[in-house]
Amino acid sequence: MMDELKEEEIVNKVGGRFKLSTLIQKRLAALNTGSKPLVHMRGEPMQIVLQEIIQDKIYLDQSGDLQEREQQLPAQEDSADE
């Protein structure tokens, strides 16, 4: 078992063990059918999915469907004040 799954933090992040299991299963299926990883790392698909969860890249919506989070771009500083 991977160390990340032993931590209660990841379980609490997604709302419980059942939701975590569902999220992992759905994301693994998506990766296995050609979906692109949302994190830059090499490794087993399970490691990729766990990193995506830890980095808040994926979640289950209210109906239990897999969703990708909209990543907000960092605010650009306005240099017009100079």
PDB file of N, CA and C in Angstrom:
ATOM      1  N   MET A   1       0.844  -1.186   0.000  1.00  0.00           N
ATOM      2  CA  MET A   1       0.000   0.000   0.000  1.00  0.00           C
ATOM      3  C   MET A   1       0.885   1.244   0.000  1.00  0.00           C
ATOM      4  N   MET A   2       0.484   2.232  -0.721  1.00  0.00           N
ATOM      5  CA  MET A   2       1.281   3.448  -0.837  1.00  0.00           C
ATOM      6  C   MET A   2       1.123   4.305   0.411  1.00  0.00           C
ATOM      7  N   ASP A   3       2.200   4.984   0.775  1.00  0.00           N
ATOM      8  CA  ASP A   3       2.195   5.796   1.987  1.00  0.00           C
ATOM      9  C   ASP A   3       1.101   6.855   1.972  1.00  0.00           C
ATOM     10  N   GLU A   4       0.812   7.425   0.796  1.00  0.00           N
ATOM     11  CA  GLU A   4      -0.196   8.469   0.708  1.00  0.00           C
ATOM     12  C   GLU A   4      -1.563   7.964   1.152  1.00  0.00           C
ATOM     13  N   LEU A   5      -1.859   6.693   0.883  1.00  0.00           N
ATOM     14  CA  LEU A   5      -3.158   6.146   1.250  1.00  0.00           C
ATOM     15  C   LEU A   5      -3.271   5.880   2.740  1.00  0.00           C
ATOM     16  N   LYS A   6      -2.148   5.816   3.428  1.00  0.00           N
ATOM     17  CA  LYS A   6      -2.159   5.589   4.869  1.00  0.00           C
ATOM     18  C   LYS A   6      -2.477   6.874   5.629  1.00  0.00           C
ATOM     19  N   GLU A   7      -2.316   7.994   4.981  1.00  0.00           N
ATOM     20  CA  GLU A   7      -2.524   9.283   5.626  1.00  0.00           C
ATOM     21  C   GLU A   7      -4.002   9.653   5.614  1.00  0.00           C
ATOM     22  N   GLU A   8      -4.510  10.079   6.754  1.00  0.00           N
ATOM     23  CA  GLU A   8      -5.912  10.497   6.842  1.00  0.00           C
ATOM     24  C   GLU A   8      -6.166  11.784   6.064  1.00  0.00           C
ATOM     25  N   GLU A   9      -5.113  12.559   5.829  1.00  0.00           N
ATOM     26  CA  GLU A   9      -5.266  13.833   5.127  1.00  0.00           C
ATOM     27  C   GLU A   9      -5.875  13.642   3.739  1.00  0.00           C
ATOM     28  N   ILE A  10      -5.396  12.664   2.988  1.00  0.00           N
ATOM     29  CA  ILE A  10      -5.911  12.441   1.643  1.00  0.00           C
ATOM     30  C   ILE A  10      -7.344  11.900   1.698  1.00  0.00           C
ATOM     31  N   VAL A  11      -7.649  11.098   2.712  1.00  0.00           N
ATOM     32  CA  VAL A  11      -9.004  10.580   2.888  1.00  0.00           C
ATOM     33  C   VAL A  11      -9.951  11.735   3.189  1.00  0.00           C
ATOM     34  N   ASN A  12      -9.550  12.600   4.098  1.00  0.00           N
ATOM     35  CA  ASN A  12     -10.385  13.744   4.464  1.00  0.00           C
ATOM     36  C   ASN A  12     -10.523  14.742   3.324  1.00  0.00           C
ATOM     37  N   LYS A  13      -9.482  14.874   2.507  1.00  0.00           N
ATOM     38  CA  LYS A  13      -9.492  15.822   1.399  1.00  0.00           C
ATOM     39  C   LYS A  13     -10.622  15.533   0.421  1.00  0.00           C
ATOM     40  N   VAL A  14     -10.889  14.255   0.171  1.00  0.00           N
ATOM     41  CA  VAL A  14     -11.923  13.894  -0.808  1.00  0.00           C
ATOM     42  C   VAL A  14     -13.254  13.545  -0.168  1.00  0.00           C
ATOM     43  N   GLY A  15     -13.306  13.464   1.170  1.00  0.00           N
ATOM     44  CA  GLY A  15     -14.579  13.247   1.830  1.00  0.00           C
ATOM     45  C   GLY A  15     -14.836  11.824   2.290  1.00  0.00           C
ATOM     46  N   GLY A  16     -13.803  11.029   2.439  1.00  0.00           N
ATOM     47  CA  GLY A  16     -13.970   9.684   2.979  1.00  0.00           C
ATOM     48  C   GLY A  16     -13.324   8.626   2.108  1.00  0.00           C
ATOM     49  N   ARG A  17     -13.212   7.441   2.680  1.00  0.00           N
ATOM     50  CA  ARG A  17     -12.547   6.337   1.982  1.00  0.00           C
ATOM     51  C   ARG A  17     -13.313   5.872   0.755  1.00  0.00           C
ATOM     52  N   PHE A  18     -14.642   5.848   0.825  1.00  0.00           N
ATOM     53  CA  PHE A  18     -15.425   5.425  -0.329  1.00  0.00           C
ATOM     54  C   PHE A  18     -15.231   6.386  -1.493  1.00  0.00           C
ATOM     55  N   LYS A  19     -15.288   7.687  -1.218  1.00  0.00           N
ATOM     56  CA  LYS A  19     -15.082   8.674  -2.284  1.00  0.00           C
ATOM     57  C   LYS A  19     -13.662   8.607  -2.832  1.00  0.00           C
ATOM     58  N   LEU A  20     -12.689   8.383  -1.954  1.00  0.00           N
ATOM     59  CA  LEU A  20     -11.301   8.253  -2.398  1.00  0.00           C
ATOM     60  C   LEU A  20     -11.164   7.061  -3.336  1.00  0.00           C
ATOM     61  N   SER A  21     -11.736   5.950  -2.954  1.00  0.00           N
ATOM     62  CA  SER A  21     -11.675   4.744  -3.784  1.00  0.00           C
ATOM     63  C   SER A  21     -12.346   4.975  -5.137  1.00  0.00           C
ATOM     64  N   THR A  22     -13.500   5.625  -5.123  1.00  0.00           N
ATOM     65  CA  THR A  22     -14.224   5.912  -6.358  1.00  0.00           C
ATOM     66  C   THR A  22     -13.427   6.852  -7.250  1.00  0.00           C
ATOM     67  N   LEU A  23     -12.863   7.896  -6.662  1.00  0.00           N
ATOM     68  CA  LEU A  23     -12.077   8.866  -7.418  1.00  0.00           C
ATOM     69  C   LEU A  23     -10.862   8.203  -8.052  1.00  0.00           C
ATOM     70  N   ILE A  24     -10.157   7.384  -7.289  1.00  0.00           N
ATOM     71  CA  ILE A  24      -8.983   6.683  -7.815  1.00  0.00           C
ATOM     72  C   ILE A  24      -9.384   5.772  -8.967  1.00  0.00           C
ATOM     73  N   GLN A  25     -10.445   5.009  -8.775  1.00  0.00           N
ATOM     74  CA  GLN A  25     -10.891   4.069  -9.802  1.00  0.00           C
ATOM     75  C   GLN A  25     -11.267   4.790 -11.096  1.00  0.00           C
ATOM     76  N   LYS A  26     -12.023   5.874 -10.976  1.00  0.00           N
ATOM     77  CA  LYS A  26     -12.458   6.606 -12.171  1.00  0.00           C
ATOM     78  C   LYS A  26     -11.279   7.265 -12.878  1.00  0.00           C
ATOM     79  N   ARG A  27     -10.343   7.802 -12.104  1.00  0.00           N
ATOM     80  CA  ARG A  27      -9.194   8.469 -12.728  1.00  0.00           C
ATOM     81  C   ARG A  27      -8.263   7.458 -13.380  1.00  0.00           C
ATOM     82  N   LEU A  28      -8.062   6.301 -12.738  1.00  0.00           N
ATOM     83  CA  LEU A  28      -7.242   5.258 -13.356  1.00  0.00           C
ATOM     84  C   LEU A  28      -7.860   4.812 -14.675  1.00  0.00           C
ATOM     85  N   ALA A  29      -9.177   4.666 -14.703  1.00  0.00           N
ATOM     86  CA  ALA A  29      -9.856   4.276 -15.943  1.00  0.00           C
ATOM     87  C   ALA A  29      -9.644   5.338 -17.017  1.00  0.00           C
ATOM     88  N   ALA A  30      -9.722   6.609 -16.643  1.00  0.00           N
ATOM     89  CA  ALA A  30      -9.517   7.693 -17.609  1.00  0.00           C
ATOM     90  C   ALA A  30      -8.089   7.678 -18.149  1.00  0.00           C
ATOM     91  N   LEU A  31      -7.112   7.502 -17.271  1.00  0.00           N
ATOM     92  CA  LEU A  31      -5.717   7.451 -17.723  1.00  0.00           C
ATOM     93  C   LEU A  31      -5.480   6.249 -18.633  1.00  0.00           C
ATOM     94  N   ASN A  32      -6.078   5.128 -18.299  1.00  0.00           N
ATOM     95  CA  ASN A  32      -5.897   3.916 -19.101  1.00  0.00           C
ATOM     96  C   ASN A  32      -6.562   4.005 -20.466  1.00  0.00           C
ATOM     97  N   THR A  33      -7.501   4.925 -20.633  1.00  0.00           N
ATOM     98  CA  THR A  33      -8.151   5.094 -21.938  1.00  0.00           C
ATOM     99  C   THR A  33      -7.612   6.307 -22.688  1.00  0.00           C
ATOM    100  N   GLY A  34      -6.475   6.843 -22.239  1.00  0.00           N
ATOM    101  CA  GLY A  34      -5.805   7.883 -23.008  1.00  0.00           C
ATOM    102  C   GLY A  34      -5.831   9.286 -22.456  1.00  0.00           C
ATOM    103  N   SER A  35      -6.457   9.510 -21.320  1.00  0.00           N
ATOM    104  CA  SER A  35      -6.464  10.843 -20.719  1.00  0.00           C
ATOM    105  C   SER A  35      -5.040  11.225 -20.323  1.00  0.00           C
ATOM    106  N   LYS A  36      -4.704  12.480 -20.467  1.00  0.00           N
ATOM    107  CA  LYS A  36      -3.362  12.967 -20.146  1.00  0.00           C
ATOM    108  C   LYS A  36      -3.229  13.216 -18.651  1.00  0.00           C
ATOM    109  N   PRO A  37      -2.087  12.866 -18.065  1.00  0.00           N
ATOM    110  CA  PRO A  37      -1.848  13.184 -16.651  1.00  0.00           C
ATOM    111  C   PRO A  37      -1.854  14.692 -16.426  1.00  0.00           C
ATOM    112  N   LEU A  38      -2.319  15.108 -15.268  1.00  0.00           N
ATOM    113  CA  LEU A  38      -2.390  16.526 -14.925  1.00  0.00           C
ATOM    114  C   LEU A  38      -1.207  16.985 -14.085  1.00  0.00           C
ATOM    115  N   VAL A  39      -0.286  16.070 -13.806  1.00  0.00           N
ATOM    116  CA  VAL A  39       0.937  16.390 -13.073  1.00  0.00           C
ATOM    117  C   VAL A  39       2.124  15.943 -13.913  1.00  0.00           C
ATOM    118  N   HIS A  40       3.229  16.611 -13.731  1.00  0.00           N
ATOM    119  CA  HIS A  40       4.437  16.279 -14.481  1.00  0.00           C
ATOM    120  C   HIS A  40       5.292  15.338 -13.652  1.00  0.00           C
ATOM    121  N   MET A  41       5.102  14.061 -13.888  1.00  0.00           N
ATOM    122  CA  MET A  41       5.901  13.048 -13.202  1.00  0.00           C
ATOM    123  C   MET A  41       5.804  11.747 -13.972  1.00  0.00           C
ATOM    124  N   ARG A  42       6.802  10.934 -13.797  1.00  0.00           N
ATOM    125  CA  ARG A  42       6.784   9.594 -14.379  1.00  0.00           C
ATOM    126  C   ARG A  42       6.507   8.625 -13.248  1.00  0.00           C
ATOM    127  N   GLY A  43       5.908   7.514 -13.606  1.00  0.00           N
ATOM    128  CA  GLY A  43       5.641   6.507 -12.591  1.00  0.00           C
ATOM    129  C   GLY A  43       4.403   5.720 -12.934  1.00  0.00           C
ATOM    130  N   GLU A  44       4.011   4.896 -12.007  1.00  0.00           N
ATOM    131  CA  GLU A  44       2.818   4.085 -12.161  1.00  0.00           C
ATOM    132  C   GLU A  44       1.592   4.994 -12.194  1.00  0.00           C
ATOM    133  N   PRO A  45       0.560   4.589 -12.924  1.00  0.00           N
ATOM    134  CA  PRO A  45      -0.669   5.399 -12.961  1.00  0.00           C
ATOM    135  C   PRO A  45      -1.227   5.708 -11.562  1.00  0.00           C
ATOM    136  N   MET A  46      -1.126   4.758 -10.641  1.00  0.00           N
ATOM    137  CA  MET A  46      -1.629   4.996  -9.282  1.00  0.00           C
ATOM    138  C   MET A  46      -0.895   6.147  -8.612  1.00  0.00           C
ATOM    139  N   GLN A  47       0.425   6.236  -8.807  1.00  0.00           N
ATOM    140  CA  GLN A  47       1.194   7.345  -8.234  1.00  0.00           C
ATOM    141  C   GLN A  47       0.771   8.671  -8.846  1.00  0.00           C
ATOM    142  N   ILE A  48       0.496   8.670 -10.134  1.00  0.00           N
ATOM    143  CA  ILE A  48       0.047   9.883 -10.824  1.00  0.00           C
ATOM    144  C   ILE A  48      -1.294  10.336 -10.254  1.00  0.00           C
ATOM    145  N   VAL A  49      -2.225   9.401 -10.094  1.00  0.00           N
ATOM    146  CA  VAL A  49      -3.547   9.734  -9.565  1.00  0.00           C
ATOM    147  C   VAL A  49      -3.435  10.305  -8.153  1.00  0.00           C
ATOM    148  N   LEU A  50      -2.625   9.693  -7.316  1.00  0.00           N
ATOM    149  CA  LEU A  50      -2.471  10.199  -5.950  1.00  0.00           C
ATOM    150  C   LEU A  50      -1.899  11.608  -5.938  1.00  0.00           C
ATOM    151  N   GLN A  51      -0.927  11.883  -6.806  1.00  0.00           N
ATOM    152  CA  GLN A  51      -0.379  13.242  -6.888  1.00  0.00           C
ATOM    153  C   GLN A  51      -1.430  14.232  -7.387  1.00  0.00           C
ATOM    154  N   GLU A  52      -2.253  13.813  -8.332  1.00  0.00           N
ATOM    155  CA  GLU A  52      -3.321  14.690  -8.826  1.00  0.00           C
ATOM    156  C   GLU A  52      -4.291  15.030  -7.701  1.00  0.00           C
ATOM    157  N   ILE A  53      -4.590  14.065  -6.845  1.00  0.00           N
ATOM    158  CA  ILE A  53      -5.480  14.324  -5.713  1.00  0.00           C
ATOM    159  C   ILE A  53      -4.811  15.249  -4.712  1.00  0.00           C
ATOM    160  N   ILE A  54      -3.570  14.952  -4.364  1.00  0.00           N
ATOM    161  CA  ILE A  54      -2.837  15.762  -3.396  1.00  0.00           C
ATOM    162  C   ILE A  54      -2.714  17.206  -3.872  1.00  0.00           C
ATOM    163  N   GLN A  55      -2.509  17.398  -5.179  1.00  0.00           N
ATOM    164  CA  GLN A  55      -2.354  18.737  -5.738  1.00  0.00           C
ATOM    165  C   GLN A  55      -3.693  19.368  -6.129  1.00  0.00           C
ATOM    166  N   ASP A  56      -4.806  18.766  -5.729  1.00  0.00           N
ATOM    167  CA  ASP A  56      -6.151  19.299  -6.003  1.00  0.00           C
ATOM    168  C   ASP A  56      -6.445  19.482  -7.485  1.00  0.00           C
ATOM    169  N   LYS A  57      -5.969  18.568  -8.300  1.00  0.00           N
ATOM    170  CA  LYS A  57      -6.204  18.645  -9.742  1.00  0.00           C
ATOM    171  C   LYS A  57      -7.508  17.964 -10.143  1.00  0.00           C
ATOM    172  N   ILE A  58      -7.981  16.984  -9.336  1.00  0.00           N
ATOM    173  CA  ILE A  58      -9.190  16.235  -9.667  1.00  0.00           C
ATOM    174  C   ILE A  58     -10.084  16.113  -8.436  1.00  0.00           C
ATOM    175  N   TYR A  59     -11.382  15.889  -8.682  1.00  0.00           N
ATOM    176  CA  TYR A  59     -12.333  15.695  -7.595  1.00  0.00           C
ATOM    177  C   TYR A  59     -13.587  15.026  -8.150  1.00  0.00           C
ATOM    178  N   LEU A  60     -14.435  14.562  -7.254  1.00  0.00           N
ATOM    179  CA  LEU A  60     -15.740  14.031  -7.637  1.00  0.00           C
ATOM    180  C   LEU A  60     -16.768  15.132  -7.427  1.00  0.00           C
ATOM    181  N   ASP A  61     -17.612  15.355  -8.426  1.00  0.00           N
ATOM    182  CA  ASP A  61     -18.656  16.359  -8.255  1.00  0.00           C
ATOM    183  C   ASP A  61     -19.817  15.769  -7.448  1.00  0.00           C
ATOM    184  N   GLN A  62     -20.883  16.543  -7.264  1.00  0.00           N
ATOM    185  CA  GLN A  62     -22.011  16.119  -6.448  1.00  0.00           C
ATOM    186  C   GLN A  62     -22.673  14.846  -6.952  1.00  0.00           C
ATOM    187  N   SER A  63     -22.617  14.607  -8.261  1.00  0.00           N
ATOM    188  CA  SER A  63     -23.234  13.401  -8.818  1.00  0.00           C
ATOM    189  C   SER A  63     -22.258  12.226  -8.876  1.00  0.00           C
ATOM    190  N   GLY A  64     -21.032  12.409  -8.366  1.00  0.00           N
ATOM    191  CA  GLY A  64     -20.049  11.335  -8.327  1.00  0.00           C
ATOM    192  C   GLY A  64     -19.241  11.189  -9.598  1.00  0.00           C
ATOM    193  N   ASP A  65     -19.289  12.200 -10.459  1.00  0.00           N
ATOM    194  CA  ASP A  65     -18.515  12.166 -11.700  1.00  0.00           C
ATOM    195  C   ASP A  65     -17.140  12.795 -11.483  1.00  0.00           C
ATOM    196  N   LEU A  66     -16.162  12.254 -12.179  1.00  0.00           N
ATOM    197  CA  LEU A  66     -14.797  12.767 -12.112  1.00  0.00           C
ATOM    198  C   LEU A  66     -14.724  14.126 -12.797  1.00  0.00           C
ATOM    199  N   GLN A  67     -14.111  15.093 -12.125  1.00  0.00           N
ATOM    200  CA  GLN A  67     -13.943  16.439 -12.681  1.00  0.00           C
ATOM    201  C   GLN A  67     -12.503  16.883 -12.499  1.00  0.00           C
ATOM    202  N   GLU A  68     -12.035  17.699 -13.426  1.00  0.00           N
ATOM    203  CA  GLU A  68     -10.729  18.339 -13.295  1.00  0.00           C
ATOM    204  C   GLU A  68     -10.961  19.753 -12.802  1.00  0.00           C
ATOM    205  N   ARG A  69     -10.137  20.185 -11.870  1.00  0.00           N
ATOM    206  CA  ARG A  69     -10.278  21.550 -11.354  1.00  0.00           C
ATOM    207  C   ARG A  69      -9.745  22.544 -12.374  1.00  0.00           C
ATOM    208  N   GLU A  70     -10.434  23.641 -12.474  1.00  0.00           N
ATOM    209  CA  GLU A  70      -9.949  24.751 -13.282  1.00  0.00           C
ATOM    210  C   GLU A  70      -8.772  25.352 -12.531  1.00  0.00           C
ATOM    211  N   GLN A  71      -7.635  25.365 -13.169  1.00  0.00           N
ATOM    212  CA  GLN A  71      -6.447  25.910 -12.519  1.00  0.00           C
ATOM    213  C   GLN A  71      -6.393  27.408 -12.762  1.00  0.00           C
ATOM    214  N   GLN A  72      -6.326  28.135 -11.669  1.00  0.00           N
ATOM    215  CA  GLN A  72      -6.246  29.583 -11.787  1.00  0.00           C
ATOM    216  C   GLN A  72      -4.816  29.977 -12.097  1.00  0.00           C
ATOM    217  N   LEU A  73      -4.685  30.881 -13.047  1.00  0.00           N
ATOM    218  CA  LEU A  73      -3.370  31.376 -13.393  1.00  0.00           C
ATOM    219  C   LEU A  73      -2.917  32.362 -12.324  1.00  0.00           C
ATOM    220  N   PRO A  74      -1.632  32.412 -12.046  1.00  0.00           N
ATOM    221  CA  PRO A  74      -1.157  33.398 -11.072  1.00  0.00           C
ATOM    222  C   PRO A  74      -1.444  34.816 -11.551  1.00  0.00           C
ATOM    223  N   ALA A  75      -1.778  35.655 -10.626  1.00  0.00           N
ATOM    224  CA  ALA A  75      -2.079  37.046 -10.972  1.00  0.00           C
ATOM    225  C   ALA A  75      -0.844  37.713 -11.568  1.00  0.00           C
ATOM    226  N   GLN A  76      -1.052  38.426 -12.664  1.00  0.00           N
ATOM    227  CA  GLN A  76       0.065  39.138 -13.273  1.00  0.00           C
ATOM    228  C   GLN A  76       0.135  40.521 -12.683  1.00  0.00           C
ATOM    229  N   GLU A  77       1.353  40.917 -12.366  1.00  0.00           N
ATOM    230  CA  GLU A  77       1.538  42.236 -11.778  1.00  0.00           C
ATOM    231  C   GLU A  77       1.418  43.293 -12.860  1.00  0.00           C
ATOM    232  N   ASP A  78       0.742  44.369 -12.518  1.00  0.00           N
ATOM    233  CA  ASP A  78       0.550  45.465 -13.469  1.00  0.00           C
ATOM    234  C   ASP A  78       1.751  46.397 -13.391  1.00  0.00           C
ATOM    235  N   SER A  79       2.513  46.471 -14.488  1.00  0.00           N
ATOM    236  CA  SER A  79       3.703  47.311 -14.482  1.00  0.00           C
ATOM    237  C   SER A  79       3.418  48.699 -15.058  1.00  0.00           C
ATOM    238  N   ALA A  80       2.145  49.046 -15.238  1.00  0.00           N
ATOM    239  CA  ALA A  80       1.785  50.340 -15.791  1.00  0.00           C
ATOM    240  C   ALA A  80       1.963  51.474 -14.783  1.00  0.00           C
ATOM    241  N   ASP A  81       2.183  51.127 -13.515  1.00  0.00           N
ATOM    242  CA  ASP A  81       2.319  52.150 -12.474  1.00  0.00           C
ATOM    243  C   ASP A  81       3.668  52.842 -12.506  1.00  0.00           C
ATOM    244  N   GLU A  82       4.601  52.338 -13.289  1.00  0.00           N
ATOM    245  CA  GLU A  82       5.954  52.911 -13.284  1.00  0.00           C
ATOM    246  C   GLU A  82       6.071  54.144 -14.100  1.00  0.00           C
TER     247      GLU A  82
END
